[in-house]
Amino acid sequence: MVDQTPRYVWVQNAANEWEGLTQDRRNHWTNAAYTVAIDEHSAVTIRAAQPIQRIQLEWAADFTGPWLFLGDAFERAYGDLHFAPLDEERICHWSMAARQGALARCFGVAVQPNALCAWQATATSVTLWLDVRNGTDPLDLHGRVLDCCTLVLREYPETDTDYSMLHAFAQAMCPISRHSDEPIIGINDWYYAYGDNTADLIIQNAQLAAALADGLGVKPWVLIDDGWESAYDSQTEYNGGPWQTGNDKFGDMGSVAQQIKAAGAQAGLWFRPLLVQSAATKTMALHRDQDNLFLDPSHPAVRKQVAADIQRFTEWGFKMIKHDFTTYDIFGLQGVAMGLNYFA
């Protein structure tokens, strides 16, 4: 059975020191500055009178024997998700599953936490790391309570397949999911055009996708990837905003969307919402690299700008949006390179 109560809780303060908290009652740990609690719904909260960076919760575990572990990815998989023997240095973002024969033990958090969450296992323990920093700075709650995450700890004693076990666990972590009512099939031009795309090529894609999907009862998607935007520059590799118009290769993006629809496909569009070069946005930037400014998605003006871009895309006729580079633009790292420090 997966133990629901951690045996140890630590808090990292603004001076990078780890402070151990004392358990004064069930699922409640405290010291002079911090209080961590887990309620009856498995929600983890912290009340902090002093600035805080991270929380570490550790459970007792027994992973002796031939256990295999599957760790999640920070943003998306790169074809590398797999069960592997115990590696005590391995960081598993968001969730982790361990399996021995038909028995599976799963450790995760519900979607939309208010912390960056990662799991780590040893032969005798499971640790959850909660990073609650304000960017790279300590978070000062001034005595307020932060809802960090909701634990999802499950044991499946008679699992038939890895798929059935992981499907049940994913549903537990995300009980209300948003997904398409029909299969999603179609064409994305990136992995053969790599930005060297045109409106004519996209319309050919739409005609081909519609022909291949004929009789399937599903309307295919044709997604225009990087290369359509007005400021696109293949020489400097700049692929950010503004997003008001298409470039000379595409022209009127509303017309392109209508031609995709007329060919019998549904239209999708790529964009990189957080990269700009406009000096007018420098007060909204997280950081910069020469002329490139990377916008802060928590800034109200940035959120308003992104919402306006998406509204424009939908008015053009695009019904699917691929937003790209968000992890890199915020953290300076691709998700595959993400560790516990998060920022480059």
C-alpha atoms as a PDB file:
ATOM      1  CA  MET A   1       0.000   0.000   0.000  1.00  0.00           C
ATOM      2  CA  VAL A   2       1.275   3.493  -0.856  1.00  0.00           C
ATOM      3  CA  ASP A   3       1.773   5.431   2.385  1.00  0.00           C
ATOM      4  CA  GLN A   4      -0.197   8.676   2.286  1.00  0.00           C
ATOM      5  CA  THR A   5       1.823  10.400   5.054  1.00  0.00           C
ATOM      6  CA  PRO A   6       5.419  11.627   4.533  1.00  0.00           C
ATOM      7  CA  ARG A   7       7.926  10.719   7.224  1.00  0.00           C
ATOM      8  CA  TYR A   8       9.974  13.912   6.777  1.00  0.00           C
ATOM      9  CA  VAL A   9       9.254  17.458   5.565  1.00  0.00           C
ATOM     10  CA  TRP A  10      11.898  20.112   4.914  1.00  0.00           C
ATOM     11  CA  VAL A  11      11.679  23.706   3.681  1.00  0.00           C
ATOM     12  CA  GLN A  12      14.417  25.639   1.877  1.00  0.00           C
ATOM     13  CA  ASN A  13      14.611  29.240   3.071  1.00  0.00           C
ATOM     14  CA  ALA A  14      15.893  32.339   1.265  1.00  0.00           C
ATOM     15  CA  ALA A  15      19.459  31.657   2.477  1.00  0.00           C
ATOM     16  CA  ASN A  16      19.434  28.250   0.696  1.00  0.00           C
ATOM     17  CA  GLU A  17      19.319  26.493   4.076  1.00  0.00           C
ATOM     18  CA  TRP A  18      17.077  23.463   4.579  1.00  0.00           C
ATOM     19  CA  GLU A  19      14.946  23.572   7.720  1.00  0.00           C
ATOM     20  CA  GLY A  20      13.408  20.378   9.047  1.00  0.00           C
ATOM     21  CA  LEU A  21       9.815  20.700  10.240  1.00  0.00           C
ATOM     22  CA  THR A  22       8.388  18.856  13.242  1.00  0.00           C
ATOM     23  CA  GLN A  23       5.218  16.810  12.893  1.00  0.00           C
ATOM     24  CA  ASP A  24       2.862  17.959  15.639  1.00  0.00           C
ATOM     25  CA  ARG A  25      -0.177  16.003  14.417  1.00  0.00           C
ATOM     26  CA  ARG A  26      -1.223  13.843  11.499  1.00  0.00           C
ATOM     27  CA  ASN A  27      -0.264  15.397   8.142  1.00  0.00           C
ATOM     28  CA  HIS A  28       0.858  18.625   9.797  1.00  0.00           C
ATOM     29  CA  TRP A  29       4.471  19.831  10.134  1.00  0.00           C
ATOM     30  CA  THR A  30       5.692  23.128  11.534  1.00  0.00           C
ATOM     31  CA  ASN A  31       8.475  25.293  12.929  1.00  0.00           C
ATOM     32  CA  ALA A  32       8.704  28.957  13.886  1.00  0.00           C
ATOM     33  CA  ALA A  33       8.468  30.233  10.307  1.00  0.00           C
ATOM     34  CA  TYR A  34       6.718  27.573   8.208  1.00  0.00           C
ATOM     35  CA  THR A  35       3.747  25.201   8.388  1.00  0.00           C
ATOM     36  CA  VAL A  36       3.126  22.450   5.834  1.00  0.00           C
ATOM     37  CA  ALA A  37      -0.151  20.527   5.874  1.00  0.00           C
ATOM     38  CA  ILE A  38      -1.908  17.855   3.816  1.00  0.00           C
ATOM     39  CA  ASP A  39      -5.694  17.955   4.059  1.00  0.00           C
ATOM     40  CA  GLU A  40      -8.286  15.196   3.686  1.00  0.00           C
ATOM     41  CA  HIS A  41      -8.319  15.746  -0.081  1.00  0.00           C
ATOM     42  CA  SER A  42      -4.514  15.294  -0.304  1.00  0.00           C
ATOM     43  CA  ALA A  43      -3.934  19.002  -0.989  1.00  0.00           C
ATOM     44  CA  VAL A  44      -0.485  20.182   0.138  1.00  0.00           C
ATOM     45  CA  THR A  45      -0.361  23.726   1.537  1.00  0.00           C
ATOM     46  CA  ILE A  46       2.277  25.905   3.149  1.00  0.00           C
ATOM     47  CA  ARG A  47       1.929  28.925   5.407  1.00  0.00           C
ATOM     48  CA  ALA A  48       5.157  30.926   5.426  1.00  0.00           C
ATOM     49  CA  ALA A  49       6.104  33.874   7.606  1.00  0.00           C
ATOM     50  CA  GLN A  50       9.533  34.031   5.928  1.00  0.00           C
ATOM     51  CA  PRO A  51      10.526  33.787   2.241  1.00  0.00           C
ATOM     52  CA  ILE A  52      10.646  30.251   0.869  1.00  0.00           C
ATOM     53  CA  GLN A  53      12.134  28.501  -2.153  1.00  0.00           C
ATOM     54  CA  ARG A  54      11.329  24.802  -2.052  1.00  0.00           C
ATOM     55  CA  ILE A  55       9.590  22.095  -0.056  1.00  0.00           C
ATOM     56  CA  GLN A  56      10.819  18.514   0.195  1.00  0.00           C
ATOM     57  CA  LEU A  57       8.510  15.696   1.304  1.00  0.00           C
ATOM     58  CA  GLU A  58       9.892  12.197   1.835  1.00  0.00           C
ATOM     59  CA  TRP A  59       7.977   8.938   2.192  1.00  0.00           C
ATOM     60  CA  ALA A  60       9.327   5.595   3.370  1.00  0.00           C
ATOM     61  CA  ALA A  61       9.363   2.977   0.602  1.00  0.00           C
ATOM     62  CA  ASP A  62      10.650  -0.502  -0.148  1.00  0.00           C
ATOM     63  CA  PHE A  63      11.890  -0.959  -3.683  1.00  0.00           C
ATOM     64  CA  THR A  64      14.123  -3.948  -3.086  1.00  0.00           C
ATOM     65  CA  GLY A  65      13.885  -6.480  -5.854  1.00  0.00           C
ATOM     66  CA  PRO A  66      13.369  -6.119  -9.614  1.00  0.00           C
ATOM     67  CA  TRP A  67      11.336  -2.889  -9.657  1.00  0.00           C
ATOM     68  CA  LEU A  68      11.111  -0.913 -12.891  1.00  0.00           C
ATOM     69  CA  PHE A  69      10.404   2.835 -12.980  1.00  0.00           C
ATOM     70  CA  LEU A  70       8.697   5.087 -15.520  1.00  0.00           C
ATOM     71  CA  GLY A  71       9.219   8.841 -15.152  1.00  0.00           C
ATOM     72  CA  ASP A  72       7.232  11.602 -16.786  1.00  0.00           C
ATOM     73  CA  ALA A  73       8.727  14.417 -18.891  1.00  0.00           C
ATOM     74  CA  PHE A  74       8.670  18.087 -17.930  1.00  0.00           C
ATOM     75  CA  GLU A  75       6.814  19.301 -21.037  1.00  0.00           C
ATOM     76  CA  ARG A  76       6.576  16.492 -23.597  1.00  0.00           C
ATOM     77  CA  ALA A  77       8.199  13.181 -24.384  1.00  0.00           C
ATOM     78  CA  TYR A  78      11.010  12.930 -26.921  1.00  0.00           C
ATOM     79  CA  GLY A  79      10.471   9.241 -27.664  1.00  0.00           C
ATOM     80  CA  ASP A  80      12.361   8.394 -24.471  1.00  0.00           C
ATOM     81  CA  LEU A  81       9.654   7.388 -21.963  1.00  0.00           C
ATOM     82  CA  HIS A  82      10.327   3.848 -20.787  1.00  0.00           C
ATOM     83  CA  PHE A  83      10.467   1.612 -17.741  1.00  0.00           C
ATOM     84  CA  ALA A  84      14.008   1.214 -16.426  1.00  0.00           C
ATOM     85  CA  PRO A  85      15.743  -0.149 -13.300  1.00  0.00           C
ATOM     86  CA  LEU A  86      16.074   2.131 -10.292  1.00  0.00           C
ATOM     87  CA  ASP A  87      18.351   5.132 -10.842  1.00  0.00           C
ATOM     88  CA  GLU A  88      18.540   7.145  -7.644  1.00  0.00           C
ATOM     89  CA  GLU A  89      19.748  10.252  -9.525  1.00  0.00           C
ATOM     90  CA  ARG A  90      16.819  10.249 -11.928  1.00  0.00           C
ATOM     91  CA  ILE A  91      14.364  13.178 -11.708  1.00  0.00           C
ATOM     92  CA  CYS A  92      10.782  12.386 -12.731  1.00  0.00           C
ATOM     93  CA  HIS A  93       8.747  15.517 -13.405  1.00  0.00           C
ATOM     94  CA  TRP A  94       5.094  15.577 -12.314  1.00  0.00           C
ATOM     95  CA  SER A  95       4.647  11.818 -11.879  1.00  0.00           C
ATOM     96  CA  MET A  96       6.396   8.487 -11.482  1.00  0.00           C
ATOM     97  CA  ALA A  97       5.250   4.872 -11.766  1.00  0.00           C
ATOM     98  CA  ALA A  98       7.012   1.839 -10.314  1.00  0.00           C
ATOM     99  CA  ARG A  99       6.192  -1.737 -11.274  1.00  0.00           C
ATOM    100  CA  GLN A 100       7.187  -5.198 -10.075  1.00  0.00           C
ATOM    101  CA  GLY A 101       5.269  -7.995 -11.764  1.00  0.00           C
ATOM    102  CA  ALA A 102       1.532  -7.220 -11.564  1.00  0.00           C
ATOM    103  CA  LEU A 103       1.988  -4.705  -8.719  1.00  0.00           C
ATOM    104  CA  ALA A 104       2.280  -1.012  -9.587  1.00  0.00           C
ATOM    105  CA  ARG A 105       2.785   1.989  -7.307  1.00  0.00           C
ATOM    106  CA  CYS A 106       2.215   5.437  -8.750  1.00  0.00           C
ATOM    107  CA  PHE A 107       3.164   8.867  -7.426  1.00  0.00           C
ATOM    108  CA  GLY A 108       1.911  12.098  -8.959  1.00  0.00           C
ATOM    109  CA  VAL A 109       0.153  15.415  -8.535  1.00  0.00           C
ATOM    110  CA  ALA A 110      -3.126  16.615  -9.962  1.00  0.00           C
ATOM    111  CA  VAL A 111      -2.913  18.843 -13.021  1.00  0.00           C
ATOM    112  CA  GLN A 112      -2.575  22.615 -12.583  1.00  0.00           C
ATOM    113  CA  PRO A 113      -0.476  22.707  -9.401  1.00  0.00           C
ATOM    114  CA  ASN A 114       0.932  25.962  -8.035  1.00  0.00           C
ATOM    115  CA  ALA A 115       4.472  24.569  -7.856  1.00  0.00           C
ATOM    116  CA  LEU A 116       6.986  22.886 -10.119  1.00  0.00           C
ATOM    117  CA  CYS A 117       6.791  19.255  -8.977  1.00  0.00           C
ATOM    118  CA  ALA A 118       9.287  16.413  -9.383  1.00  0.00           C
ATOM    119  CA  TRP A 119       9.663  12.914  -7.911  1.00  0.00           C
ATOM    120  CA  GLN A 120      12.773  10.936  -7.023  1.00  0.00           C
ATOM    121  CA  ALA A 121      13.137   7.381  -5.710  1.00  0.00           C
ATOM    122  CA  THR A 122      15.743   5.407  -3.801  1.00  0.00           C
ATOM    123  CA  ALA A 123      15.575   1.809  -2.600  1.00  0.00           C
ATOM    124  CA  THR A 124      14.073   3.016   0.692  1.00  0.00           C
ATOM    125  CA  SER A 125      12.342   6.320  -0.073  1.00  0.00           C
ATOM    126  CA  VAL A 126      10.245   8.445  -2.409  1.00  0.00           C
ATOM    127  CA  THR A 127      10.794  12.216  -2.459  1.00  0.00           C
ATOM    128  CA  LEU A 128       8.581  14.962  -3.838  1.00  0.00           C
ATOM    129  CA  TRP A 129      10.300  18.271  -4.613  1.00  0.00           C
ATOM    130  CA  LEU A 130       8.060  21.347  -4.768  1.00  0.00           C
ATOM    131  CA  ASP A 131       9.636  24.481  -6.233  1.00  0.00           C
ATOM    132  CA  VAL A 132       7.504  27.483  -5.251  1.00  0.00           C
ATOM    133  CA  ARG A 133       9.975  30.256  -6.107  1.00  0.00           C
ATOM    134  CA  ASN A 134       8.933  33.507  -7.740  1.00  0.00           C
ATOM    135  CA  GLY A 135      10.973  32.871 -10.886  1.00  0.00           C
ATOM    136  CA  THR A 136      14.500  32.505  -9.506  1.00  0.00           C
ATOM    137  CA  ASP A 137      13.761  34.519  -6.358  1.00  0.00           C
ATOM    138  CA  PRO A 138      12.363  33.262  -3.034  1.00  0.00           C
ATOM    139  CA  LEU A 139       8.605  33.563  -2.606  1.00  0.00           C
ATOM    140  CA  ASP A 140       7.449  35.850   0.217  1.00  0.00           C
ATOM    141  CA  LEU A 141       3.937  34.917   1.308  1.00  0.00           C
ATOM    142  CA  HIS A 142       3.886  37.350   4.267  1.00  0.00           C
ATOM    143  CA  GLY A 143       2.123  34.709   6.359  1.00  0.00           C
ATOM    144  CA  ARG A 144      -0.395  33.739   3.679  1.00  0.00           C
ATOM    145  CA  VAL A 145      -1.183  30.156   2.674  1.00  0.00           C
ATOM    146  CA  LEU A 146      -0.180  28.754  -0.729  1.00  0.00           C
ATOM    147  CA  ASP A 147      -1.993  25.745  -2.204  1.00  0.00           C
ATOM    148  CA  CYS A 148       1.017  23.930  -3.658  1.00  0.00           C
ATOM    149  CA  CYS A 149      -0.445  20.797  -5.238  1.00  0.00           C
ATOM    150  CA  THR A 150      -2.768  17.847  -4.728  1.00  0.00           C
ATOM    151  CA  LEU A 151      -1.124  14.480  -4.225  1.00  0.00           C
ATOM    152  CA  VAL A 152      -2.252  11.536  -6.339  1.00  0.00           C
ATOM    153  CA  LEU A 153      -0.820   8.357  -4.801  1.00  0.00           C
ATOM    154  CA  ARG A 154      -2.145   5.056  -6.115  1.00  0.00           C
ATOM    155  CA  GLU A 155      -1.421   1.362  -5.869  1.00  0.00           C
ATOM    156  CA  TYR A 156      -2.635  -1.092  -8.491  1.00  0.00           C
ATOM    157  CA  PRO A 157      -2.140  -4.654  -7.136  1.00  0.00           C
ATOM    158  CA  GLU A 158      -3.385  -6.614 -10.157  1.00  0.00           C
ATOM    159  CA  THR A 159      -2.373  -4.681 -13.267  1.00  0.00           C
ATOM    160  CA  ASP A 160      -2.867  -6.506 -16.557  1.00  0.00           C
ATOM    161  CA  THR A 161      -0.893  -4.133 -18.775  1.00  0.00           C
ATOM    162  CA  ASP A 162       1.226  -1.025 -18.410  1.00  0.00           C
ATOM    163  CA  TYR A 163      -1.283   0.823 -20.586  1.00  0.00           C
ATOM    164  CA  SER A 164      -4.315   0.030 -18.423  1.00  0.00           C
ATOM    165  CA  MET A 165      -2.431   0.995 -15.266  1.00  0.00           C
ATOM    166  CA  LEU A 166      -1.113   4.272 -16.688  1.00  0.00           C
ATOM    167  CA  HIS A 167      -4.499   5.101 -18.189  1.00  0.00           C
ATOM    168  CA  ALA A 168      -6.174   4.754 -14.787  1.00  0.00           C
ATOM    169  CA  PHE A 169      -3.415   6.794 -13.118  1.00  0.00           C
ATOM    170  CA  ALA A 170      -3.614   9.567 -15.726  1.00  0.00           C
ATOM    171  CA  GLN A 171      -7.363   9.788 -15.202  1.00  0.00           C
ATOM    172  CA  ALA A 172      -6.793  10.124 -11.450  1.00  0.00           C
ATOM    173  CA  MET A 173      -4.371  13.018 -12.029  1.00  0.00           C
ATOM    174  CA  CYS A 174      -6.645  14.685 -14.590  1.00  0.00           C
ATOM    175  CA  PRO A 175     -10.272  13.760 -13.865  1.00  0.00           C
ATOM    176  CA  ILE A 176     -11.636  16.555 -16.087  1.00  0.00           C
ATOM    177  CA  SER A 177      -9.720  16.435 -19.361  1.00  0.00           C
ATOM    178  CA  ARG A 178     -10.204  18.433 -22.548  1.00  0.00           C
ATOM    179  CA  HIS A 179      -9.845  16.318 -25.643  1.00  0.00           C
ATOM    180  CA  SER A 180     -11.186  16.013 -29.137  1.00  0.00           C
ATOM    181  CA  ASP A 181     -14.401  14.056 -29.686  1.00  0.00           C
ATOM    182  CA  GLU A 182     -12.911  12.543 -32.839  1.00  0.00           C
ATOM    183  CA  PRO A 183      -9.487  11.225 -33.893  1.00  0.00           C
ATOM    184  CA  ILE A 184      -6.940  13.877 -34.881  1.00  0.00           C
ATOM    185  CA  ILE A 185      -5.187  13.075 -38.162  1.00  0.00           C
ATOM    186  CA  GLY A 186      -3.518  15.250 -40.749  1.00  0.00           C
ATOM    187  CA  ILE A 187      -0.314  16.950 -41.886  1.00  0.00           C
ATOM    188  CA  ASN A 188       2.168  19.284 -40.189  1.00  0.00           C
ATOM    189  CA  ASP A 189       4.724  20.631 -42.653  1.00  0.00           C
ATOM    190  CA  TRP A 190       7.634  21.196 -40.229  1.00  0.00           C
ATOM    191  CA  TYR A 191       9.422  17.868 -40.510  1.00  0.00           C
ATOM    192  CA  TYR A 192       9.913  18.130 -44.253  1.00  0.00           C
ATOM    193  CA  ALA A 193       9.706  21.880 -44.976  1.00  0.00           C
ATOM    194  CA  TYR A 194      11.537  23.237 -41.893  1.00  0.00           C
ATOM    195  CA  GLY A 195      10.256  26.753 -42.520  1.00  0.00           C
ATOM    196  CA  ASP A 196      10.609  26.594 -46.301  1.00  0.00           C
ATOM    197  CA  ASN A 197       6.828  26.491 -46.711  1.00  0.00           C
ATOM    198  CA  THR A 198       4.419  28.486 -48.874  1.00  0.00           C
ATOM    199  CA  ALA A 199       0.685  28.960 -49.181  1.00  0.00           C
ATOM    200  CA  ASP A 200       0.677  26.846 -52.375  1.00  0.00           C
ATOM    201  CA  LEU A 201       2.452  23.992 -50.587  1.00  0.00           C
ATOM    202  CA  ILE A 202      -0.046  24.133 -47.730  1.00  0.00           C
ATOM    203  CA  ILE A 203      -3.020  23.957 -50.103  1.00  0.00           C
ATOM    204  CA  GLN A 204      -1.421  20.902 -51.743  1.00  0.00           C
ATOM    205  CA  ASN A 205      -1.121  19.387 -48.277  1.00  0.00           C
ATOM    206  CA  ALA A 206      -4.813  20.034 -47.674  1.00  0.00           C
ATOM    207  CA  GLN A 207      -5.815  18.402 -50.941  1.00  0.00           C
ATOM    208  CA  LEU A 208      -3.606  15.376 -50.216  1.00  0.00           C
ATOM    209  CA  ALA A 209      -4.860  15.015 -46.631  1.00  0.00           C
ATOM    210  CA  ALA A 210      -8.478  15.221 -47.758  1.00  0.00           C
ATOM    211  CA  ALA A 211      -7.893  12.556 -50.423  1.00  0.00           C
ATOM    212  CA  LEU A 212      -6.150  10.207 -47.983  1.00  0.00           C
ATOM    213  CA  ALA A 213      -8.916  10.642 -45.391  1.00  0.00           C
ATOM    214  CA  ASP A 214     -11.746  10.160 -47.880  1.00  0.00           C
ATOM    215  CA  GLY A 215     -14.209   7.587 -46.567  1.00  0.00           C
ATOM    216  CA  LEU A 216     -12.823   7.562 -43.016  1.00  0.00           C
ATOM    217  CA  GLY A 217     -15.535   9.807 -41.628  1.00  0.00           C
ATOM    218  CA  VAL A 218     -12.917  12.133 -40.130  1.00  0.00           C
ATOM    219  CA  LYS A 219     -11.928  15.533 -41.515  1.00  0.00           C
ATOM    220  CA  PRO A 220      -8.120  15.844 -41.448  1.00  0.00           C
ATOM    221  CA  TRP A 221      -6.117  18.772 -40.096  1.00  0.00           C
ATOM    222  CA  VAL A 222      -3.495  20.729 -42.000  1.00  0.00           C
ATOM    223  CA  LEU A 223      -1.301  22.776 -39.669  1.00  0.00           C
ATOM    224  CA  ILE A 224       0.904  25.570 -41.008  1.00  0.00           C
ATOM    225  CA  ASP A 225       4.124  25.455 -39.016  1.00  0.00           C
ATOM    226  CA  ASP A 226       6.917  27.997 -38.595  1.00  0.00           C
ATOM    227  CA  GLY A 227       7.639  30.072 -41.694  1.00  0.00           C
ATOM    228  CA  TRP A 228       4.380  31.947 -42.299  1.00  0.00           C
ATOM    229  CA  GLU A 229       4.890  34.891 -39.899  1.00  0.00           C
ATOM    230  CA  SER A 230       5.672  38.381 -41.194  1.00  0.00           C
ATOM    231  CA  ALA A 231       9.028  38.720 -39.373  1.00  0.00           C
ATOM    232  CA  TYR A 232      10.280  35.220 -40.272  1.00  0.00           C
ATOM    233  CA  ASP A 233      13.977  35.312 -41.232  1.00  0.00           C
ATOM    234  CA  SER A 234      15.653  32.089 -42.335  1.00  0.00           C
ATOM    235  CA  GLN A 235      19.095  33.734 -42.202  1.00  0.00           C
ATOM    236  CA  THR A 236      18.966  34.924 -38.584  1.00  0.00           C
ATOM    237  CA  GLU A 237      16.525  32.141 -37.601  1.00  0.00           C
ATOM    238  CA  TYR A 238      14.227  34.690 -35.991  1.00  0.00           C
ATOM    239  CA  ASN A 239      10.735  33.210 -35.700  1.00  0.00           C
ATOM    240  CA  GLY A 240       8.851  35.452 -33.293  1.00  0.00           C
ATOM    241  CA  GLY A 241       6.186  38.143 -33.435  1.00  0.00           C
ATOM    242  CA  PRO A 242       4.445  40.250 -34.474  1.00  0.00           C
ATOM    243  CA  TRP A 243       1.599  37.987 -35.591  1.00  0.00           C
ATOM    244  CA  GLN A 244      -0.737  40.424 -37.365  1.00  0.00           C
ATOM    245  CA  THR A 245      -0.109  39.268 -40.957  1.00  0.00           C
ATOM    246  CA  GLY A 246       1.457  36.586 -43.061  1.00  0.00           C
ATOM    247  CA  ASN A 247       4.669  37.164 -45.008  1.00  0.00           C
ATOM    248  CA  ASP A 248       5.131  37.325 -48.773  1.00  0.00           C
ATOM    249  CA  LYS A 249       5.020  33.518 -49.055  1.00  0.00           C
ATOM    250  CA  PHE A 250       1.513  33.400 -47.575  1.00  0.00           C
ATOM    251  CA  GLY A 251      -0.210  36.748 -47.975  1.00  0.00           C
ATOM    252  CA  ASP A 252      -3.729  36.931 -46.528  1.00  0.00           C
ATOM    253  CA  MET A 253      -3.870  34.265 -43.802  1.00  0.00           C
ATOM    254  CA  GLY A 254      -7.659  34.350 -43.724  1.00  0.00           C
ATOM    255  CA  SER A 255      -7.679  33.434 -47.422  1.00  0.00           C
ATOM    256  CA  VAL A 256      -5.234  30.572 -46.793  1.00  0.00           C
ATOM    257  CA  ALA A 257      -7.456  29.195 -44.015  1.00  0.00           C
ATOM    258  CA  GLN A 258     -10.501  29.343 -46.310  1.00  0.00           C
ATOM    259  CA  GLN A 259      -8.629  27.507 -49.082  1.00  0.00           C
ATOM    260  CA  ILE A 260      -7.651  24.761 -46.640  1.00  0.00           C
ATOM    261  CA  LYS A 261     -11.306  24.426 -45.670  1.00  0.00           C
ATOM    262  CA  ALA A 262     -12.422  24.414 -49.301  1.00  0.00           C
ATOM    263  CA  ALA A 263      -9.983  21.551 -49.997  1.00  0.00           C
ATOM    264  CA  GLY A 264     -11.776  19.459 -47.356  1.00  0.00           C
ATOM    265  CA  ALA A 265      -9.438  19.900 -44.363  1.00  0.00           C
ATOM    266  CA  GLN A 266      -9.383  21.841 -41.109  1.00  0.00           C
ATOM    267  CA  ALA A 267      -6.865  24.646 -40.626  1.00  0.00           C
ATOM    268  CA  GLY A 268      -4.263  24.877 -37.857  1.00  0.00           C
ATOM    269  CA  LEU A 269      -1.535  27.423 -37.190  1.00  0.00           C
ATOM    270  CA  TRP A 270       1.833  27.514 -35.377  1.00  0.00           C
ATOM    271  CA  PHE A 271       3.111  30.435 -33.335  1.00  0.00           C
ATOM    272  CA  ARG A 272       5.706  31.317 -30.712  1.00  0.00           C
ATOM    273  CA  PRO A 273       3.844  33.702 -28.409  1.00  0.00           C
ATOM    274  CA  LEU A 274       6.653  34.806 -26.094  1.00  0.00           C
ATOM    275  CA  LEU A 275       9.381  35.877 -28.545  1.00  0.00           C
ATOM    276  CA  VAL A 276       9.466  39.458 -29.867  1.00  0.00           C
ATOM    277  CA  GLN A 277      11.999  42.089 -30.919  1.00  0.00           C
ATOM    278  CA  SER A 278       9.916  45.189 -30.281  1.00  0.00           C
ATOM    279  CA  ALA A 279      11.605  47.604 -27.888  1.00  0.00           C
ATOM    280  CA  ALA A 280       8.149  48.685 -26.725  1.00  0.00           C
ATOM    281  CA  THR A 281       7.763  45.351 -24.915  1.00  0.00           C
ATOM    282  CA  LYS A 282      11.026  45.437 -22.928  1.00  0.00           C
ATOM    283  CA  THR A 283       9.213  46.225 -19.660  1.00  0.00           C
ATOM    284  CA  MET A 284       7.245  42.994 -20.114  1.00  0.00           C
ATOM    285  CA  ALA A 285      10.285  40.781 -20.773  1.00  0.00           C
ATOM    286  CA  LEU A 286      11.635  38.050 -18.513  1.00  0.00           C
ATOM    287  CA  HIS A 287      15.048  38.256 -20.159  1.00  0.00           C
ATOM    288  CA  ARG A 288      16.680  39.083 -23.464  1.00  0.00           C
ATOM    289  CA  ASP A 289      19.297  37.679 -25.842  1.00  0.00           C
ATOM    290  CA  GLN A 290      20.718  40.471 -27.985  1.00  0.00           C
ATOM    291  CA  ASP A 291      17.700  41.769 -29.970  1.00  0.00           C
ATOM    292  CA  ASN A 292      15.395  38.951 -28.822  1.00  0.00           C
ATOM    293  CA  LEU A 293      13.018  39.657 -25.939  1.00  0.00           C
ATOM    294  CA  PHE A 294      11.320  36.784 -24.110  1.00  0.00           C
ATOM    295  CA  LEU A 295       8.013  37.893 -22.621  1.00  0.00           C
ATOM    296  CA  ASP A 296       6.773  37.195 -19.102  1.00  0.00           C
ATOM    297  CA  PRO A 297       3.508  35.188 -19.403  1.00  0.00           C
ATOM    298  CA  SER A 298       2.447  36.329 -15.923  1.00  0.00           C
ATOM    299  CA  HIS A 299       2.418  39.990 -17.026  1.00  0.00           C
ATOM    300  CA  PRO A 300      -1.184  41.169 -17.642  1.00  0.00           C
ATOM    301  CA  ALA A 301      -0.219  43.008 -20.819  1.00  0.00           C
ATOM    302  CA  VAL A 302       1.457  39.887 -22.214  1.00  0.00           C
ATOM    303  CA  ARG A 303      -1.606  37.768 -21.515  1.00  0.00           C
ATOM    304  CA  LYS A 304      -3.761  40.408 -23.210  1.00  0.00           C
ATOM    305  CA  GLN A 305      -1.464  40.430 -26.235  1.00  0.00           C
ATOM    306  CA  VAL A 306      -1.444  36.625 -26.551  1.00  0.00           C
ATOM    307  CA  ALA A 307      -5.242  36.533 -26.224  1.00  0.00           C
ATOM    308  CA  ALA A 308      -5.536  39.129 -28.995  1.00  0.00           C
ATOM    309  CA  ASP A 309      -3.246  37.058 -31.252  1.00  0.00           C
ATOM    310  CA  ILE A 310      -5.321  33.920 -30.682  1.00  0.00           C
ATOM    311  CA  GLN A 311      -8.543  35.823 -31.322  1.00  0.00           C
ATOM    312  CA  ARG A 312      -7.078  37.043 -34.614  1.00  0.00           C
ATOM    313  CA  PHE A 313      -6.104  33.510 -35.641  1.00  0.00           C
ATOM    314  CA  THR A 314      -9.601  32.195 -34.950  1.00  0.00           C
ATOM    315  CA  GLU A 315     -11.145  35.069 -36.903  1.00  0.00           C
ATOM    316  CA  TRP A 316      -8.913  34.129 -39.830  1.00  0.00           C
ATOM    317  CA  GLY A 317     -10.439  30.637 -39.640  1.00  0.00           C
ATOM    318  CA  PHE A 318      -7.808  28.579 -37.802  1.00  0.00           C
ATOM    319  CA  LYS A 319      -9.305  26.142 -35.315  1.00  0.00           C
ATOM    320  CA  MET A 320      -6.133  24.490 -33.993  1.00  0.00           C
ATOM    321  CA  ILE A 321      -3.155  26.377 -32.539  1.00  0.00           C
ATOM    322  CA  LYS A 322       0.294  24.941 -31.930  1.00  0.00           C
ATOM    323  CA  HIS A 323       2.081  27.186 -29.441  1.00  0.00           C
ATOM    324  CA  ASP A 324       5.776  26.423 -29.401  1.00  0.00           C
ATOM    325  CA  PHE A 325       9.004  27.166 -27.494  1.00  0.00           C
ATOM    326  CA  THR A 326       7.145  28.244 -24.337  1.00  0.00           C
ATOM    327  CA  THR A 327       9.314  26.198 -21.970  1.00  0.00           C
ATOM    328  CA  TYR A 328      12.521  27.380 -23.622  1.00  0.00           C
ATOM    329  CA  ASP A 329      11.436  31.015 -23.733  1.00  0.00           C
ATOM    330  CA  ILE A 330      10.595  31.030 -20.012  1.00  0.00           C
ATOM    331  CA  PHE A 331      13.361  28.858 -18.577  1.00  0.00           C
ATOM    332  CA  GLY A 332      16.126  29.044 -21.162  1.00  0.00           C
ATOM    333  CA  LEU A 333      16.121  25.241 -21.390  1.00  0.00           C
ATOM    334  CA  GLN A 334      14.305  22.638 -23.429  1.00  0.00           C
ATOM    335  CA  GLY A 335      12.188  20.311 -21.329  1.00  0.00           C
ATOM    336  CA  VAL A 336      14.437  17.336 -22.058  1.00  0.00           C
ATOM    337  CA  ALA A 337      17.301  19.166 -20.287  1.00  0.00           C
ATOM    338  CA  MET A 338      15.262  20.202 -17.248  1.00  0.00           C
ATOM    339  CA  GLY A 339      16.586  19.434 -13.776  1.00  0.00           C
ATOM    340  CA  LEU A 340      15.592  20.532 -10.294  1.00  0.00           C
ATOM    341  CA  ASN A 341      17.042  24.015 -10.776  1.00  0.00           C
ATOM    342  CA  TYR A 342      14.769  24.568 -13.813  1.00  0.00           C
ATOM    343  CA  PHE A 343      16.415  27.751 -15.082  1.00  0.00           C
ATOM    344  CA  ALA A 344      19.451  27.900 -17.350  1.00  0.00           C
END
